[in-house]
Protein backbone atom coordinates (compact mmCIF):
# COMPACT_ATOMS: atom_id res chain seq x y z
CA MET A 1 0.00 0.00 0.00
CA ILE A 2 1.22 3.50 -0.85
CA VAL A 3 1.47 5.94 2.06
CA THR A 4 2.25 9.59 1.43
CA LEU A 5 3.28 12.22 3.96
CA LEU A 6 2.97 16.00 3.90
CA THR A 7 3.87 18.08 6.97
CA ASP A 8 5.35 21.32 8.24
CA TYR A 9 7.91 19.39 10.32
CA GLY A 10 10.93 20.34 8.21
CA HIS A 11 14.11 18.27 8.04
CA ASP A 12 16.19 19.74 10.86
CA ASP A 13 14.46 17.75 13.62
CA ASP A 14 13.51 14.11 13.95
CA PHE A 15 9.73 14.57 13.68
CA ALA A 16 9.25 13.44 10.08
CA GLY A 17 11.64 10.51 10.46
CA VAL A 18 9.95 9.29 13.64
CA CYS A 19 6.55 9.33 11.89
CA ARG A 20 8.02 7.27 9.05
CA GLY A 21 9.42 4.83 11.60
CA VAL A 22 6.09 4.42 13.38
CA ILE A 23 4.36 3.67 10.08
CA LYS A 24 6.97 1.11 9.01
CA ARG A 25 6.87 -0.69 12.38
CA ILE A 26 3.11 -1.21 12.07
CA ALA A 27 2.93 -1.62 8.27
CA PRO A 28 6.36 -2.84 7.15
CA ASP A 29 5.17 -3.43 3.58
CA ALA A 30 3.97 0.14 3.13
CA ASP A 31 5.71 2.13 0.41
CA LEU A 32 6.31 5.64 1.79
CA ILE A 33 6.44 8.75 -0.38
CA ASP A 34 7.37 12.08 1.16
CA ILE A 35 5.43 14.75 -0.73
CA THR A 36 7.06 17.47 1.37
CA HIS A 37 7.93 18.34 4.93
CA GLY A 38 8.66 21.91 3.92
CA ILE A 39 5.25 23.53 4.36
CA PRO A 40 5.86 26.74 6.35
CA ARG A 41 5.00 26.11 9.98
CA HIS A 42 1.31 26.51 10.82
CA ALA A 43 0.48 27.39 7.15
CA VAL A 44 -2.71 25.33 6.91
CA ARG A 45 -3.94 26.84 3.65
CA GLN A 46 -0.58 26.41 1.94
CA GLY A 47 -0.51 22.80 3.10
CA ALA A 48 -4.05 22.26 1.82
CA LEU A 49 -3.17 23.68 -1.58
CA ALA A 50 -0.01 21.58 -1.83
CA LEU A 51 -1.88 18.41 -0.86
CA ALA A 52 -4.65 19.03 -3.40
CA GLU A 53 -2.12 19.75 -6.13
CA ALA A 54 0.07 16.74 -5.41
CA LEU A 55 -2.36 13.89 -4.75
CA PRO A 56 -3.72 13.57 -8.32
CA TYR A 57 -0.15 12.61 -9.30
CA MET A 58 0.19 10.04 -6.51
CA PRO A 59 -0.97 6.42 -6.55
CA VAL A 60 -4.17 5.77 -4.64
CA GLY A 61 -3.29 5.00 -1.04
CA VAL A 62 -3.38 6.42 2.48
CA HIS A 63 -2.32 10.05 2.64
CA MET A 64 -1.23 11.55 5.96
CA ALA A 65 -0.98 15.33 6.28
CA VAL A 66 -0.02 17.30 9.39
CA VAL A 67 -0.05 21.08 9.63
CA ASP A 68 -1.58 21.41 13.03
CA PRO A 69 -1.25 24.68 14.98
CA GLN A 70 -4.10 23.54 17.27
CA VAL A 71 -2.44 20.28 18.30
CA GLY A 72 -3.44 19.25 21.83
CA THR A 73 -6.73 21.15 21.77
CA GLU A 74 -10.25 19.84 21.17
CA ARG A 75 -9.87 20.00 17.39
CA ARG A 76 -10.74 16.63 15.86
CA ALA A 77 -8.40 14.19 14.18
CA VAL A 78 -10.04 12.55 11.18
CA ALA A 79 -9.77 9.90 8.50
CA VAL A 80 -11.68 10.62 5.29
CA ARG A 81 -12.43 8.35 2.33
CA THR A 82 -12.61 10.21 -0.99
CA GLY A 83 -14.62 9.50 -4.10
CA ASP A 84 -11.63 7.88 -5.77
CA GLU A 85 -11.06 5.56 -2.77
CA ARG A 86 -8.12 7.33 -1.18
CA ILE A 87 -7.92 7.72 2.59
CA LEU A 88 -6.82 11.08 4.00
CA VAL A 89 -5.62 11.26 7.61
CA GLY A 90 -4.92 14.46 9.52
CA PRO A 91 -6.32 17.24 11.70
CA ASP A 92 -9.82 18.50 11.01
CA ASN A 93 -8.75 22.09 10.38
CA GLY A 94 -9.36 22.36 6.63
CA LEU A 95 -5.97 20.88 5.69
CA LEU A 96 -7.58 17.90 3.94
CA SER A 97 -10.56 19.69 2.45
CA LEU A 98 -9.19 20.96 -0.87
CA ALA A 99 -7.81 17.49 -1.57
CA TRP A 100 -11.08 15.66 -1.01
CA GLU A 101 -12.91 18.26 -3.09
CA ALA A 102 -10.48 17.56 -5.95
CA LEU A 103 -10.77 13.78 -5.55
CA GLY A 104 -14.50 13.17 -5.77
CA GLY A 105 -15.65 14.53 -2.44
CA ALA A 106 -15.67 13.20 1.12
CA ILE A 107 -17.65 9.94 0.99
CA GLU A 108 -17.02 8.62 4.50
CA ALA A 109 -15.33 10.04 7.59
CA SER A 110 -14.29 8.95 11.07
CA ASP A 111 -13.27 10.92 14.13
CA VAL A 112 -10.01 9.20 15.08
CA SER A 113 -9.15 11.48 18.02
CA ARG A 114 -9.49 8.53 20.42
CA SER A 115 -8.63 5.82 17.94
CA PRO A 116 -7.83 2.37 19.31
CA HIS A 117 -4.79 2.49 17.03
CA ARG A 118 -3.16 5.45 18.78
CA LEU A 119 0.07 5.06 20.71
CA GLU A 120 -0.19 5.51 24.46
CA PRO A 121 0.55 7.77 26.19
CA VAL A 122 -0.42 10.33 23.56
CA SER A 123 1.77 13.41 23.58
CA ALA A 124 -0.18 16.68 23.68
CA THR A 125 2.22 18.19 21.14
CA PHE A 126 3.15 15.34 18.77
CA HIS A 127 -0.03 13.85 17.36
CA GLY A 128 1.85 13.09 14.16
CA ARG A 129 3.73 10.31 15.96
CA ASP A 130 1.13 9.11 18.44
CA LEU A 131 -2.11 9.47 16.48
CA PHE A 132 -1.87 10.22 12.77
CA ALA A 133 1.04 7.89 11.95
CA PRO A 134 -0.37 4.78 13.68
CA VAL A 135 -3.86 5.38 12.29
CA THR A 136 -2.36 5.80 8.83
CA ALA A 137 -0.30 2.64 9.25
CA HIS A 138 -3.18 0.45 10.45
CA ILE A 139 -5.37 1.58 7.55
CA ALA A 140 -2.50 0.91 5.13
CA ALA A 141 -2.22 -2.58 6.68
CA GLY A 142 -5.90 -3.28 5.96
CA ALA A 143 -8.00 -1.72 8.72
CA SER A 144 -11.09 0.22 7.68
CA ILE A 145 -11.62 3.82 8.66
CA SER A 146 -14.69 2.74 10.63
CA GLU A 147 -12.38 0.59 12.78
CA ALA A 148 -10.06 3.56 13.28
CA GLY A 149 -12.57 5.79 15.04
CA GLU A 150 -16.14 6.98 15.48
CA PRO A 151 -18.41 7.68 12.47
CA LEU A 152 -18.51 11.33 11.45
CA ASP A 153 -20.87 13.01 9.01
CA PRO A 154 -18.66 14.35 6.17
CA ASP A 155 -20.85 17.47 6.08
CA ASN A 156 -19.47 18.37 9.52
CA LEU A 157 -15.83 18.35 8.42
CA VAL A 158 -13.99 21.67 8.50
CA ARG A 159 -13.41 23.23 5.10
CA ILE A 160 -10.87 25.86 4.23
CA GLU A 161 -11.85 29.00 2.34
CA VAL A 162 -9.85 30.10 -0.69
CA PRO A 163 -10.52 33.60 -2.04
CA GLU A 164 -12.29 33.78 -5.40
CA PRO A 165 -11.02 36.00 -8.22
CA VAL A 166 -13.16 38.71 -9.78
CA ILE A 167 -13.23 38.27 -13.56
CA GLU A 168 -14.41 41.33 -15.50
CA GLN A 169 -14.17 42.71 -19.01
CA GLY A 170 -10.66 44.02 -19.36
CA ARG A 171 -9.35 43.08 -15.91
CA VAL A 172 -8.89 40.38 -13.30
CA VAL A 173 -8.81 40.99 -9.55
CA ALA A 174 -6.63 38.21 -8.14
CA HIS A 175 -5.02 37.23 -4.85
CA VAL A 176 -1.66 35.68 -4.06
CA LEU A 177 -2.32 32.13 -2.87
CA GLY A 178 1.25 31.08 -2.25
CA LEU A 179 4.93 31.89 -2.77
CA ASP A 180 7.43 29.18 -3.64
CA ARG A 181 11.15 28.93 -2.85
CA TYR A 182 11.99 30.70 -6.11
CA GLY A 183 9.87 33.69 -5.15
CA ASN A 184 7.19 32.94 -7.74
CA ALA A 185 3.67 33.97 -6.74
CA SER A 186 0.76 31.65 -7.49
CA LEU A 187 -2.58 33.40 -8.03
CA ASN A 188 -6.16 32.23 -7.51
CA VAL A 189 -6.94 32.42 -11.25
CA ALA A 190 -7.03 29.54 -13.71
CA HIS A 191 -6.06 30.14 -17.32
CA ASP A 192 -9.49 29.01 -18.54
CA GLN A 193 -11.08 31.88 -16.60
CA LEU A 194 -9.44 34.54 -18.75
CA ALA A 195 -11.90 34.65 -21.65
CA GLY A 196 -13.01 38.22 -22.22
CA THR A 197 -10.38 39.78 -19.98
CA GLY A 198 -8.06 40.75 -22.83
CA LEU A 199 -5.12 38.93 -21.22
CA THR A 200 -3.44 36.92 -23.99
CA PHE A 201 -0.14 35.10 -24.51
CA GLY A 202 2.63 37.31 -25.77
CA ALA A 203 0.96 40.55 -24.73
CA SER A 204 1.93 42.93 -21.95
CA VAL A 205 0.07 42.84 -18.64
CA VAL A 206 -0.16 45.66 -16.11
CA ILE A 207 -0.11 44.52 -12.48
CA GLU A 208 -1.64 47.07 -10.10
CA ARG A 209 -1.53 47.19 -6.32
CA ALA A 210 -3.76 48.95 -3.82
CA SER A 211 -0.74 51.08 -2.92
CA GLY A 212 -0.76 52.54 -6.42
CA ARG A 213 2.28 50.62 -7.59
CA ARG A 214 2.13 49.50 -11.22
CA ASP A 215 4.41 46.94 -12.88
CA THR A 216 4.36 45.67 -16.44
CA ALA A 217 4.94 42.02 -17.26
CA VAL A 218 4.78 39.83 -20.36
CA PHE A 219 2.22 37.03 -20.49
CA ALA A 220 4.63 34.24 -21.42
CA SER A 221 4.67 30.45 -21.66
CA THR A 222 7.88 29.97 -19.69
CA PHE A 223 10.65 31.88 -17.92
CA ALA A 224 13.12 31.94 -20.83
CA ASP A 225 10.56 33.69 -23.05
CA VAL A 226 11.63 36.96 -21.41
CA PRO A 227 15.10 38.41 -20.74
CA ASP A 228 16.92 37.79 -17.48
CA GLY A 229 15.45 40.02 -14.77
CA ALA A 230 12.20 40.61 -16.66
CA LEU A 231 8.76 40.19 -15.07
CA LEU A 232 6.35 37.63 -16.50
CA VAL A 233 2.87 36.25 -15.94
CA TYR A 234 2.56 32.57 -16.84
CA GLU A 235 0.49 29.44 -16.30
CA ASP A 236 2.17 27.38 -13.58
CA ALA A 237 2.42 23.61 -13.33
CA TYR A 238 -1.00 23.42 -11.64
CA ARG A 239 -2.79 25.52 -14.30
CA ARG A 240 -2.95 28.70 -12.22
CA LEU A 241 -1.66 32.10 -13.25
CA ALA A 242 1.57 33.01 -11.54
CA ILE A 243 4.01 35.91 -11.45
CA ALA A 244 7.78 35.47 -11.68
CA VAL A 245 10.99 37.27 -12.50
CA ASN A 246 13.19 35.30 -14.89
CA ARG A 247 16.25 34.27 -12.84
CA GLY A 248 15.06 36.63 -10.13
CA ASN A 249 12.60 36.71 -7.24
CA ALA A 250 9.17 38.25 -7.73
CA GLU A 251 8.33 37.98 -4.02
CA SER A 252 11.17 40.29 -3.00
CA GLU A 253 11.26 42.52 -6.08
CA LEU A 254 7.52 43.23 -5.96
CA ASP A 255 7.27 42.94 -2.15
CA LEU A 256 4.54 40.31 -2.44
CA ARG A 257 2.80 38.58 0.45
CA GLU A 258 0.16 35.87 0.67
CA ASP A 259 -3.38 37.25 0.21
CA ASP A 260 -2.13 40.42 -1.53
CA GLU A 261 -4.77 41.67 -3.95
CA LEU A 262 -3.56 42.38 -7.48
CA VAL A 263 -5.37 43.78 -10.49
CA LEU A 264 -4.21 42.42 -13.84
CA ARG A 265 -5.23 44.23 -17.02
CA PRO A 266 -3.99 44.43 -20.61
CA ALA A 267 -1.31 47.10 -21.07
């Protein structure tokens, strides 16, 4: 059985490795894939976006995700079966919600907060090791999610909100969803939403900020379509519009932050 892991644990500490060890002790035949442990700490929405983007490229399996700033509180721990028969395991804080929406919906759910599979004593601050990893492992080894916890109505699961773009004749009002390690900014606009906006490949695009700042970019297919240091708008690997500087860093050069509102219009 394939088991994937996505967390904000990083690689400097032992947290991710210990979770892998717990899973392999319980389910030694599990094939583990680390999607990433580099989600910024406590960045639930960024983790949710990364999980939803990555899972369609992963084999069907059990998918553990932990970005859990409320660890040790009364927030639920859940296991969710999706429409394409994957099992998602993690905190009920919206982290899993974009993934199940992309994978056929949440068909079945269990509250695994007091799962019989958990390791005792349960640490108040490391549910990845003591709760999510053993639940993930037992399901990968053949247990059902109903055996892992108490039934939970999928309609009661926490969902994360992602801002919607405003698409108008001659302009798009977008928001920065995320910033990658290259400083590229992913926006909440899909390429197929651009009809009627006047934004077309090869043309110039004005990017406006609430502060009054205006920058001009080229709507390009890839980075090398513009000179080094030039600003471009492009369709990223997950079919969203994004902003980059060829061989530069759009985050720092444009002083971009998550949730910044940008207006894109033809030059």
